[in-house]
Protein backbone atom coordinates (compact mmCIF):
# COMPACT_ATOMS: atom_id res chain seq x y z
CA MET A 1 81.45 140.66 96.60
CA ARG A 2 77.93 141.93 97.18
CA LEU A 3 76.60 138.37 97.51
CA LYS A 4 79.50 136.86 99.44
CA ASP A 5 78.61 133.43 100.88
CA LYS A 6 74.98 133.65 99.70
CA VAL A 7 73.30 130.79 97.83
CA ALA A 8 71.12 131.55 94.82
CA ILE A 9 68.85 129.59 92.51
CA ILE A 10 68.19 131.00 89.03
CA THR A 11 65.79 129.33 86.62
CA ALA A 12 66.30 129.64 82.86
CA ALA A 13 69.96 130.42 83.51
CA GLY A 14 71.23 128.65 80.41
CA SER A 15 71.00 131.71 78.18
CA GLY A 16 70.09 135.36 77.92
CA MET A 17 69.20 137.33 81.03
CA GLY A 18 69.28 134.28 83.29
CA ARG A 19 72.80 133.39 82.20
CA ALA A 20 73.96 136.98 82.64
CA GLY A 21 72.49 136.97 86.15
CA ALA A 22 74.09 133.65 87.10
CA ILE A 23 77.52 134.80 85.97
CA LEU A 24 77.13 138.15 87.74
CA PHE A 25 75.85 136.59 90.96
CA ALA A 26 78.81 134.20 91.03
CA LYS A 27 81.22 137.04 90.35
CA GLU A 28 79.72 138.84 93.33
CA GLY A 29 80.38 135.86 95.60
CA ALA A 30 77.23 133.72 95.43
CA LYS A 31 77.08 129.98 94.98
CA VAL A 32 74.64 129.49 92.12
CA ALA A 33 72.26 126.69 91.18
CA VAL A 34 71.95 127.06 87.40
CA VAL A 35 68.59 125.67 86.31
CA ASP A 36 67.48 125.19 82.72
CA ILE A 37 65.65 122.77 80.46
CA ASP A 38 68.58 122.99 78.02
CA PRO A 39 71.57 121.00 79.32
CA LYS A 40 74.01 122.46 76.79
CA GLY A 41 73.20 126.04 77.73
CA GLY A 42 73.16 125.31 81.44
CA GLU A 43 76.52 123.54 81.39
CA GLU A 44 78.02 126.41 79.39
CA THR A 45 76.86 128.85 82.06
CA VAL A 46 78.44 126.75 84.80
CA LYS A 47 81.65 126.40 82.79
CA THR A 48 81.92 130.17 82.42
CA ILE A 49 81.37 130.63 86.15
CA THR A 50 83.89 128.02 87.27
CA GLU A 51 86.53 129.13 84.77
CA ASN A 52 86.34 132.56 86.36
CA GLY A 53 86.75 131.24 89.89
CA GLY A 54 83.09 131.06 90.88
CA GLU A 55 81.04 128.18 92.24
CA ALA A 56 77.96 126.76 90.52
CA PHE A 57 76.22 123.54 89.58
CA PHE A 58 73.74 122.72 86.86
CA ARG A 59 70.38 121.00 87.20
CA GLU A 60 68.40 120.11 84.09
CA LEU A 61 64.80 120.83 84.98
CA ASP A 62 61.39 121.45 83.51
CA VAL A 63 60.01 124.00 85.99
CA THR A 64 56.44 122.86 85.32
CA VAL A 65 57.18 119.50 86.97
CA LEU A 66 56.58 120.72 90.49
CA PRO A 67 57.96 117.74 92.48
CA ASN A 68 61.27 118.17 90.64
CA LEU A 69 61.24 121.91 91.25
CA LYS A 70 60.67 121.34 94.97
CA LYS A 71 63.45 118.76 95.10
CA LEU A 72 65.87 121.15 93.40
CA ILE A 73 65.21 123.81 96.02
CA GLU A 74 65.57 121.32 98.87
CA ASP A 75 68.73 119.82 97.36
CA THR A 76 70.32 123.25 96.96
CA ALA A 77 69.63 124.13 100.59
CA ASN A 78 71.00 120.79 101.75
CA LYS A 79 74.09 121.05 99.53
CA TYR A 80 75.19 124.40 100.91
CA GLY A 81 73.50 124.44 104.31
CA ARG A 82 71.61 127.62 103.51
CA LEU A 83 69.43 129.30 100.88
CA ASP A 84 69.22 133.04 100.30
CA ILE A 85 67.91 133.90 96.84
CA ILE A 86 65.61 132.51 94.19
CA TRP A 87 65.16 134.26 90.87
CA ASN A 88 62.14 132.76 89.16
CA HIS A 89 63.13 133.76 85.65
CA ALA A 90 61.82 130.95 83.43
CA GLY A 91 59.32 132.10 80.83
CA ILE A 92 58.11 131.88 77.24
CA PRO A 93 56.43 134.43 74.93
CA GLY A 94 53.46 132.12 74.43
CA ALA A 95 50.84 132.43 71.74
CA GLY A 96 49.96 135.89 70.46
CA GLY A 97 46.67 137.35 69.41
CA PHE A 98 43.24 136.74 70.87
CA GLY A 99 40.37 134.57 69.71
CA THR A 100 42.48 131.74 68.34
CA ILE A 101 44.43 130.69 71.44
CA SER A 102 43.85 127.08 72.40
CA GLU A 103 43.43 125.76 75.92
CA LYS A 104 46.72 123.88 75.50
CA GLU A 105 48.55 127.10 74.58
CA PHE A 106 46.94 128.92 77.51
CA ASP A 107 47.90 126.23 80.00
CA GLU A 108 51.48 126.04 78.72
CA ALA A 109 52.01 129.78 79.12
CA ILE A 110 50.44 129.88 82.58
CA ASP A 111 52.36 126.82 83.77
CA ILE A 112 55.78 128.10 82.71
CA ASN A 113 55.41 131.84 83.28
CA THR A 114 53.24 131.98 86.39
CA LYS A 115 52.62 128.64 88.08
CA SER A 116 56.29 127.69 88.27
CA ALA A 117 57.15 131.09 89.78
CA PHE A 118 54.36 130.81 92.35
CA PHE A 119 55.45 127.38 93.52
CA GLY A 120 59.15 128.20 93.28
CA ALA A 121 58.50 131.02 95.73
CA GLN A 122 56.40 128.79 97.95
CA TYR A 123 58.97 126.01 98.18
CA PHE A 124 61.74 128.55 98.79
CA ALA A 125 59.78 130.27 101.55
CA GLU A 126 58.99 126.97 103.28
CA ILE A 127 62.72 126.46 103.82
CA VAL A 128 63.90 130.02 104.40
CA LYS A 129 61.20 131.11 106.84
CA GLU A 130 62.41 128.45 109.28
CA THR A 131 65.70 130.32 109.60
CA SER A 132 66.36 133.78 110.97
CA LYS A 133 68.45 134.88 107.98
CA GLY A 134 65.68 135.95 105.64
CA GLY A 135 65.95 135.85 101.88
CA SER A 136 65.05 137.38 98.55
CA ILE A 137 62.49 136.17 96.01
CA ILE A 138 62.70 137.73 92.54
CA PHE A 139 60.19 137.38 89.71
CA THR A 140 60.73 138.30 86.08
CA SER A 141 57.59 140.12 84.98
CA SER A 142 57.53 142.34 81.87
CA VAL A 143 56.49 145.76 80.69
CA SER A 144 53.60 143.80 79.14
CA GLY A 145 52.59 142.92 82.67
CA VAL A 146 52.21 146.54 83.76
CA ARG A 147 50.68 148.07 80.63
CA GLY A 148 48.33 146.80 77.95
CA SER A 149 49.72 144.82 75.02
CA PRO A 150 47.40 144.15 72.08
CA MET A 151 49.93 141.71 70.64
CA SER A 152 50.01 139.45 73.68
CA PRO A 153 47.02 139.37 76.05
CA LEU A 154 48.04 135.90 77.25
CA TYR A 155 51.63 136.91 78.05
CA SER A 156 50.35 140.04 79.78
CA THR A 157 48.02 137.90 81.89
CA CYS A 158 50.93 135.72 83.01
CA LYS A 159 53.33 138.54 83.73
CA GLY A 160 50.78 140.88 85.29
CA ALA A 161 50.01 138.16 87.82
CA LEU A 162 53.63 138.22 88.99
CA VAL A 163 53.42 141.94 89.81
CA THR A 164 50.51 141.42 92.19
CA LEU A 165 52.01 138.18 93.48
CA ALA A 166 55.18 140.06 94.48
CA ARG A 167 53.10 142.61 96.36
CA SER A 168 51.01 139.98 98.12
CA LEU A 169 53.96 137.83 99.14
CA ALA A 170 55.86 140.89 100.33
CA LYS A 171 53.03 141.50 102.81
CA LEU A 172 52.81 137.85 103.77
CA LEU A 173 56.50 137.02 104.14
CA GLY A 174 57.85 140.26 105.56
CA LYS A 175 57.63 138.93 109.11
CA TYR A 176 60.20 136.30 108.10
CA ASN A 177 62.49 138.95 106.58
CA ILE A 178 61.84 137.50 103.13
CA ARG A 179 61.70 140.23 100.53
CA VAL A 180 59.77 139.77 97.28
CA ASN A 181 60.24 141.93 94.20
CA ALA A 182 59.76 141.81 90.45
CA ILE A 183 61.66 143.04 87.42
CA ALA A 184 59.75 144.23 84.37
CA PRO A 185 62.09 144.27 81.35
CA GLY A 186 61.30 145.64 77.96
CA VAL A 187 62.13 143.58 74.87
CA ALA A 188 65.66 142.28 75.34
CA ASN A 189 68.44 141.79 72.82
CA THR A 190 68.26 138.00 72.97
CA PRO A 191 67.12 135.43 70.37
CA MET A 192 63.68 135.39 72.01
CA ARG A 193 63.05 138.91 70.74
CA PHE A 194 62.07 137.46 67.38
CA GLN A 195 59.28 135.49 69.05
CA PHE A 196 58.07 138.54 70.93
CA LEU A 197 57.97 140.74 67.85
CA THR A 198 56.50 138.15 65.46
CA ARG A 199 53.80 136.51 67.53
CA THR A 200 51.34 136.23 64.66
CA THR A 201 51.89 135.47 60.98
CA GLU A 202 50.97 138.99 59.83
CA ASP A 203 53.56 140.61 62.07
CA ASN A 204 56.65 142.10 60.46
CA TYR A 205 59.75 141.93 62.66
CA GLU A 206 61.62 144.97 61.33
CA GLU A 207 58.51 147.14 61.33
CA ASN A 208 57.59 146.10 64.87
CA LEU A 209 61.17 146.60 66.08
CA ASN A 210 61.33 150.12 64.66
CA MET A 211 57.96 151.01 66.20
CA LEU A 212 59.14 149.69 69.54
CA LEU A 213 62.45 151.55 69.54
CA LYS A 214 60.68 154.83 68.78
CA GLN A 215 58.93 154.44 72.15
CA VAL A 216 62.11 153.65 74.08
CA ALA A 217 63.61 156.86 75.47
CA LEU A 218 67.15 155.43 75.43
CA GLY A 219 66.69 154.11 71.90
CA ARG A 220 67.85 150.49 72.20
CA LEU A 221 66.76 147.03 73.27
CA VAL A 222 67.36 145.81 76.81
CA ASP A 223 70.78 144.23 77.28
CA PRO A 224 70.77 141.04 79.41
CA MET A 225 73.19 142.70 81.82
CA ASP A 226 70.69 145.52 82.43
CA VAL A 227 68.34 142.95 83.94
CA ALA A 228 71.14 141.04 85.69
CA TYR A 229 72.17 144.18 87.58
CA ALA A 230 68.57 144.85 88.60
CA ALA A 231 68.35 141.29 89.95
CA LEU A 232 71.66 141.78 91.77
CA PHE A 233 70.22 144.81 93.54
CA PHE A 234 67.19 142.85 94.71
CA ALA A 235 69.37 139.90 95.72
CA SER A 236 71.86 141.97 97.72
CA ASP A 237 71.61 143.61 101.11
CA GLU A 238 71.55 146.98 99.34
CA SER A 239 67.80 146.44 98.90
CA ALA A 240 67.29 145.35 102.50
CA PHE A 241 64.29 147.70 102.89
CA VAL A 242 62.82 147.17 99.41
CA THR A 243 59.96 144.70 99.03
CA GLY A 244 56.76 144.48 97.01
CA THR A 245 58.33 146.57 94.25
CA THR A 246 58.39 146.15 90.48
CA LEU A 247 61.40 147.72 88.78
CA TRP A 248 60.98 148.66 85.12
CA VAL A 249 64.13 147.94 83.14
CA ASP A 250 62.88 149.31 79.87
CA GLY A 251 64.92 152.35 78.85
CA GLY A 252 61.97 154.64 79.46
CA TYR A 253 59.42 152.68 77.42
CA ILE A 254 56.72 152.89 80.09
CA ALA A 255 57.45 156.59 80.65
């Protein structure tokens, strides 16, 4: 019960790493707002949580619609009388390559991957800094945000911004006991891995996967639970003196 009585919001919690985190957070005692653009996936996450004795509710939400994102955060705080954690996890691979990316593709990637996380943190902080309890803001960055990626300059731009945002907000919000950290996963064993490894038409999935795994010291893709446990650490009081940090969950890829 490492999150006993805490209230958490997790975006993109209808599948993959977000779902794993929502289920784990609930198991550890948190009340969880499960947020996703996919109602089927989000409801399945809530069903799994409630069937195992946890507490959660689902909100269908496009995180790029900022008034709705703000309302979600306010509603969650009002529903439970407190707010402790937000994991800004929503993201997309976006267009790959360079030289052919359209303005529409650029804006879509920035809006989902970066802008929604920025404003999610801002709306969360507006509520939590008025209390004396503090809180935890978590961003999902990527190994592509901390090292160069010739396959995805746009994705790296989005995710790299979250690393420096976590550092900046850690400095800004520390006086309110709000901690801000980021997780940088490698390629995860979720359906989205196909998008990451085949961003352009000339890419070959199997060849790219084999090349990737040769650079991973532990020799496998990231499991969603690997990231969920990293988020749990940042969400819990065990990381009470950890802020402004990016944790690589990559099996030694960066090393």
